Amino acid sequence: MCTPAPAQGIPLHQHGAFDDLAVSLDRISKMAGALKGIGSLMMPEHSAANEQLNMAFRTDAAAIFEFFADVLGESREIAAEAADRLHYAARQLTQPN
C-alpha cells in the first residue's frame, strides 16, 4: 500500500507516506491487542486449572502471548514517535523562517 510520491509543490510534511505509516501503526496496535486477548483467553480461571499443555502450562503459554503483545506495543510506540519527529522535521523544512 505505497502512496505515490507527491506532485511538485506539495510540502514534504503532507506526503502520503505519513498516512501509510498511520494505517500501519494502527494495524500494529490491533495485532498487539489481539495477542493480549489470546493471552487472556489462555489464562486459567483458577490456579487449579493451570493444566499442562504439551510440555508447558497454560500460564506459560499466556505469558508468551503477553510478551509478544508488549513487544509489538512498545515497537509501535517507538515507530509512532519516530514518524511524528520526521513529520515535524519535514514541516520545519518547508516553512519559511
N, C-alpha and C. Protein backbone atom coordinates (compact mmCIF):
# COMPACT_ATOMS: atom_id res chain seq x y z
N MET A 1 0.84 -1.17 0.00
CA MET A 1 0.00 0.00 0.00
C MET A 1 0.88 1.23 0.00
N CYS A 2 1.65 1.42 -1.02
CA CYS A 2 2.56 2.56 -1.11
C CYS A 2 1.86 3.72 -1.79
N THR A 3 1.98 4.87 -1.19
CA THR A 3 1.43 6.08 -1.77
C THR A 3 2.44 6.64 -2.75
N PRO A 4 1.99 7.04 -3.94
CA PRO A 4 2.95 7.60 -4.89
C PRO A 4 3.57 8.88 -4.36
N ALA A 5 4.73 9.20 -4.90
CA ALA A 5 5.43 10.42 -4.49
C ALA A 5 4.56 11.63 -4.79
N PRO A 6 4.63 12.66 -3.96
CA PRO A 6 3.78 13.83 -4.18
C PRO A 6 4.20 14.58 -5.43
N ALA A 7 3.22 15.24 -6.00
CA ALA A 7 3.49 16.08 -7.17
C ALA A 7 4.34 17.27 -6.73
N GLN A 8 5.01 17.86 -7.67
CA GLN A 8 5.86 19.02 -7.38
C GLN A 8 5.04 20.11 -6.71
N GLY A 9 5.54 20.66 -5.65
CA GLY A 9 4.87 21.76 -4.96
C GLY A 9 4.14 21.34 -3.70
N ILE A 10 3.93 20.05 -3.49
CA ILE A 10 3.28 19.60 -2.26
C ILE A 10 4.34 19.55 -1.16
N PRO A 11 4.08 20.17 -0.03
CA PRO A 11 5.07 20.15 1.06
C PRO A 11 5.36 18.72 1.52
N LEU A 12 6.61 18.49 1.89
CA LEU A 12 7.05 17.17 2.30
C LEU A 12 6.25 16.64 3.48
N HIS A 13 5.88 17.52 4.42
CA HIS A 13 5.15 17.04 5.60
C HIS A 13 3.72 16.61 5.27
N GLN A 14 3.27 16.84 4.05
CA GLN A 14 1.95 16.38 3.63
C GLN A 14 2.04 15.15 2.72
N HIS A 15 3.22 14.55 2.65
CA HIS A 15 3.43 13.37 1.81
C HIS A 15 2.50 12.24 2.27
N GLY A 16 1.97 11.50 1.33
CA GLY A 16 1.04 10.42 1.63
C GLY A 16 1.65 9.29 2.44
N ALA A 17 2.97 9.21 2.49
CA ALA A 17 3.61 8.15 3.28
C ALA A 17 3.27 8.28 4.75
N PHE A 18 3.03 9.49 5.21
CA PHE A 18 2.65 9.68 6.62
C PHE A 18 1.30 9.01 6.90
N ASP A 19 0.38 9.06 5.92
CA ASP A 19 -0.90 8.37 6.08
C ASP A 19 -0.70 6.86 6.09
N ASP A 20 0.20 6.37 5.23
CA ASP A 20 0.51 4.93 5.20
C ASP A 20 1.09 4.49 6.54
N LEU A 21 1.96 5.31 7.11
CA LEU A 21 2.53 4.99 8.42
C LEU A 21 1.43 4.92 9.49
N ALA A 22 0.51 5.85 9.45
CA ALA A 22 -0.56 5.87 10.44
C ALA A 22 -1.41 4.61 10.34
N VAL A 23 -1.73 4.18 9.13
CA VAL A 23 -2.53 2.97 8.94
C VAL A 23 -1.77 1.75 9.45
N SER A 24 -0.48 1.67 9.13
CA SER A 24 0.32 0.52 9.57
C SER A 24 0.46 0.50 11.08
N LEU A 25 0.66 1.65 11.69
CA LEU A 25 0.78 1.71 13.15
C LEU A 25 -0.53 1.31 13.82
N ASP A 26 -1.65 1.67 13.20
CA ASP A 26 -2.95 1.26 13.74
C ASP A 26 -3.10 -0.26 13.68
N ARG A 27 -2.64 -0.87 12.59
CA ARG A 27 -2.71 -2.33 12.47
C ARG A 27 -1.83 -3.00 13.53
N ILE A 28 -0.67 -2.44 13.79
CA ILE A 28 0.21 -3.00 14.82
C ILE A 28 -0.49 -2.94 16.17
N SER A 29 -1.17 -1.85 16.46
CA SER A 29 -1.92 -1.74 17.72
C SER A 29 -2.98 -2.82 17.82
N LYS A 30 -3.68 -3.07 16.72
CA LYS A 30 -4.72 -4.10 16.72
C LYS A 30 -4.11 -5.49 16.90
N MET A 31 -2.96 -5.74 16.27
CA MET A 31 -2.29 -7.03 16.45
C MET A 31 -1.88 -7.23 17.90
N ALA A 32 -1.34 -6.19 18.51
CA ALA A 32 -0.92 -6.30 19.91
C ALA A 32 -2.13 -6.57 20.79
N GLY A 33 -3.23 -5.91 20.51
CA GLY A 33 -4.46 -6.15 21.28
C GLY A 33 -4.98 -7.57 21.11
N ALA A 34 -4.87 -8.10 19.88
CA ALA A 34 -5.32 -9.47 19.63
C ALA A 34 -4.45 -10.47 20.39
N LEU A 35 -3.13 -10.25 20.37
CA LEU A 35 -2.24 -11.16 21.09
C LEU A 35 -2.51 -11.10 22.59
N LYS A 36 -2.76 -9.91 23.10
CA LYS A 36 -3.08 -9.76 24.52
C LYS A 36 -4.37 -10.51 24.84
N GLY A 37 -5.34 -10.42 23.94
CA GLY A 37 -6.60 -11.13 24.13
C GLY A 37 -6.42 -12.63 24.13
N ILE A 38 -5.60 -13.15 23.22
CA ILE A 38 -5.33 -14.59 23.20
C ILE A 38 -4.65 -15.02 24.50
N GLY A 39 -3.72 -14.19 24.97
CA GLY A 39 -3.06 -14.49 26.24
C GLY A 39 -4.05 -14.53 27.38
N SER A 40 -5.01 -13.61 27.38
CA SER A 40 -6.03 -13.60 28.44
C SER A 40 -6.92 -14.84 28.36
N LEU A 41 -7.24 -15.25 27.14
CA LEU A 41 -8.07 -16.45 26.98
C LEU A 41 -7.36 -17.71 27.46
N MET A 42 -6.05 -17.73 27.34
CA MET A 42 -5.29 -18.92 27.73
C MET A 42 -5.09 -19.02 29.23
N MET A 43 -5.22 -17.90 29.93
CA MET A 43 -5.02 -17.93 31.38
C MET A 43 -6.13 -18.75 32.04
N PRO A 44 -5.76 -19.61 32.98
CA PRO A 44 -6.79 -20.39 33.68
C PRO A 44 -7.58 -19.48 34.62
N GLU A 45 -8.83 -19.87 34.85
CA GLU A 45 -9.67 -19.08 35.76
C GLU A 45 -9.25 -19.28 37.21
N HIS A 46 -8.73 -20.44 37.52
CA HIS A 46 -8.29 -20.76 38.88
C HIS A 46 -6.91 -21.38 38.78
N SER A 47 -6.14 -21.27 39.84
CA SER A 47 -4.79 -21.84 39.80
C SER A 47 -4.84 -23.36 39.64
N ALA A 48 -5.91 -23.99 40.07
CA ALA A 48 -6.04 -25.44 39.91
C ALA A 48 -6.26 -25.83 38.45
N ALA A 49 -6.70 -24.88 37.65
CA ALA A 49 -6.97 -25.16 36.24
C ALA A 49 -5.74 -24.93 35.36
N ASN A 50 -4.59 -24.72 35.96
CA ASN A 50 -3.36 -24.48 35.21
C ASN A 50 -2.81 -25.80 34.70
N GLU A 51 -3.54 -26.42 33.76
CA GLU A 51 -3.16 -27.74 33.27
C GLU A 51 -1.95 -27.68 32.36
N GLN A 52 -1.34 -28.80 32.20
CA GLN A 52 -0.17 -28.88 31.34
C GLN A 52 -0.61 -29.04 29.89
N LEU A 53 0.02 -28.27 29.02
CA LEU A 53 -0.24 -28.34 27.59
C LEU A 53 1.06 -28.72 26.90
N ASN A 54 1.23 -29.90 26.50
CA ASN A 54 2.39 -30.33 25.72
C ASN A 54 3.69 -29.65 26.15
N MET A 55 4.22 -29.99 27.29
CA MET A 55 5.50 -29.52 27.82
C MET A 55 5.44 -28.10 28.39
N ALA A 56 4.29 -27.51 28.51
CA ALA A 56 4.16 -26.17 29.11
C ALA A 56 2.81 -26.10 29.81
N PHE A 57 2.67 -25.13 30.67
CA PHE A 57 1.41 -24.90 31.36
C PHE A 57 0.66 -23.75 30.69
N ARG A 58 -0.63 -23.65 30.97
CA ARG A 58 -1.45 -22.58 30.41
C ARG A 58 -0.85 -21.20 30.72
N THR A 59 -0.39 -21.02 31.94
CA THR A 59 0.16 -19.71 32.30
C THR A 59 1.41 -19.39 31.49
N ASP A 60 2.20 -20.41 31.16
CA ASP A 60 3.38 -20.19 30.33
C ASP A 60 2.98 -19.76 28.92
N ALA A 61 1.98 -20.43 28.37
CA ALA A 61 1.51 -20.08 27.03
C ALA A 61 0.94 -18.67 27.01
N ALA A 62 0.18 -18.33 28.04
CA ALA A 62 -0.40 -16.99 28.12
C ALA A 62 0.69 -15.93 28.22
N ALA A 63 1.74 -16.23 28.97
CA ALA A 63 2.84 -15.27 29.14
C ALA A 63 3.55 -15.00 27.82
N ILE A 64 3.64 -16.01 26.97
CA ILE A 64 4.28 -15.81 25.66
C ILE A 64 3.48 -14.83 24.82
N PHE A 65 2.16 -15.00 24.79
CA PHE A 65 1.32 -14.07 24.03
C PHE A 65 1.39 -12.67 24.61
N GLU A 66 1.40 -12.57 25.93
CA GLU A 66 1.52 -11.26 26.59
C GLU A 66 2.84 -10.60 26.22
N PHE A 67 3.92 -11.38 26.19
CA PHE A 67 5.23 -10.85 25.85
C PHE A 67 5.23 -10.27 24.43
N PHE A 68 4.73 -11.04 23.47
CA PHE A 68 4.72 -10.55 22.09
C PHE A 68 3.80 -9.34 21.94
N ALA A 69 2.71 -9.32 22.67
CA ALA A 69 1.83 -8.15 22.63
C ALA A 69 2.55 -6.92 23.16
N ASP A 70 3.29 -7.08 24.25
CA ASP A 70 4.04 -5.96 24.81
C ASP A 70 5.13 -5.48 23.87
N VAL A 71 5.84 -6.42 23.24
CA VAL A 71 6.90 -6.04 22.29
C VAL A 71 6.31 -5.29 21.10
N LEU A 72 5.19 -5.79 20.57
CA LEU A 72 4.54 -5.09 19.45
C LEU A 72 4.09 -3.70 19.88
N GLY A 73 3.49 -3.61 21.05
CA GLY A 73 3.01 -2.31 21.53
C GLY A 73 4.13 -1.31 21.72
N GLU A 74 5.23 -1.76 22.32
CA GLU A 74 6.38 -0.87 22.52
C GLU A 74 7.00 -0.47 21.18
N SER A 75 7.09 -1.41 20.26
CA SER A 75 7.65 -1.11 18.94
C SER A 75 6.77 -0.11 18.20
N ARG A 76 5.48 -0.25 18.37
CA ARG A 76 4.54 0.68 17.74
C ARG A 76 4.74 2.09 18.29
N GLU A 77 4.91 2.18 19.59
CA GLU A 77 5.12 3.50 20.21
C GLU A 77 6.40 4.15 19.70
N ILE A 78 7.46 3.37 19.58
CA ILE A 78 8.73 3.89 19.08
C ILE A 78 8.58 4.36 17.64
N ALA A 79 7.90 3.55 16.82
CA ALA A 79 7.69 3.91 15.41
C ALA A 79 6.81 5.15 15.28
N ALA A 80 5.78 5.24 16.11
CA ALA A 80 4.89 6.41 16.06
C ALA A 80 5.64 7.68 16.46
N GLU A 81 6.48 7.58 17.47
CA GLU A 81 7.28 8.74 17.88
C GLU A 81 8.25 9.15 16.77
N ALA A 82 8.88 8.17 16.13
CA ALA A 82 9.80 8.47 15.03
C ALA A 82 9.06 9.13 13.87
N ALA A 83 7.88 8.64 13.55
CA ALA A 83 7.09 9.23 12.47
C ALA A 83 6.69 10.66 12.82
N ASP A 84 6.33 10.90 14.07
CA ASP A 84 5.98 12.27 14.49
C ASP A 84 7.18 13.20 14.38
N ARG A 85 8.36 12.71 14.79
CA ARG A 85 9.56 13.55 14.68
C ARG A 85 9.89 13.84 13.22
N LEU A 86 9.75 12.85 12.36
CA LEU A 86 10.01 13.04 10.93
C LEU A 86 9.02 14.02 10.33
N HIS A 87 7.76 13.88 10.71
CA HIS A 87 6.74 14.81 10.23
C HIS A 87 7.05 16.24 10.67
N TYR A 88 7.45 16.40 11.91
CA TYR A 88 7.80 17.72 12.42
C TYR A 88 9.01 18.29 11.67
N ALA A 89 10.02 17.46 11.45
CA ALA A 89 11.22 17.92 10.74
C ALA A 89 10.89 18.31 9.31
N ALA A 90 10.02 17.53 8.67
CA ALA A 90 9.62 17.85 7.28
C ALA A 90 8.85 19.17 7.24
N ARG A 91 8.03 19.39 8.25
CA ARG A 91 7.26 20.64 8.30
C ARG A 91 8.21 21.83 8.48
N GLN A 92 9.24 21.66 9.31
CA GLN A 92 10.19 22.73 9.54
C GLN A 92 10.97 23.08 8.26
N LEU A 93 11.24 22.05 7.45
CA LEU A 93 11.96 22.29 6.19
C LEU A 93 11.14 23.10 5.19
N THR A 94 9.85 22.93 5.21
CA THR A 94 9.01 23.56 4.19
C THR A 94 8.43 24.90 4.63
N GLN A 95 8.55 25.25 5.90
CA GLN A 95 8.01 26.52 6.35
C GLN A 95 9.06 27.61 6.23
N PRO A 96 8.64 28.78 5.78
CA PRO A 96 9.61 29.89 5.70
C PRO A 96 10.00 30.36 7.10
N ASN A 97 11.21 30.82 7.23
CA ASN A 97 11.72 31.29 8.53
C ASN A 97 11.26 32.67 8.83
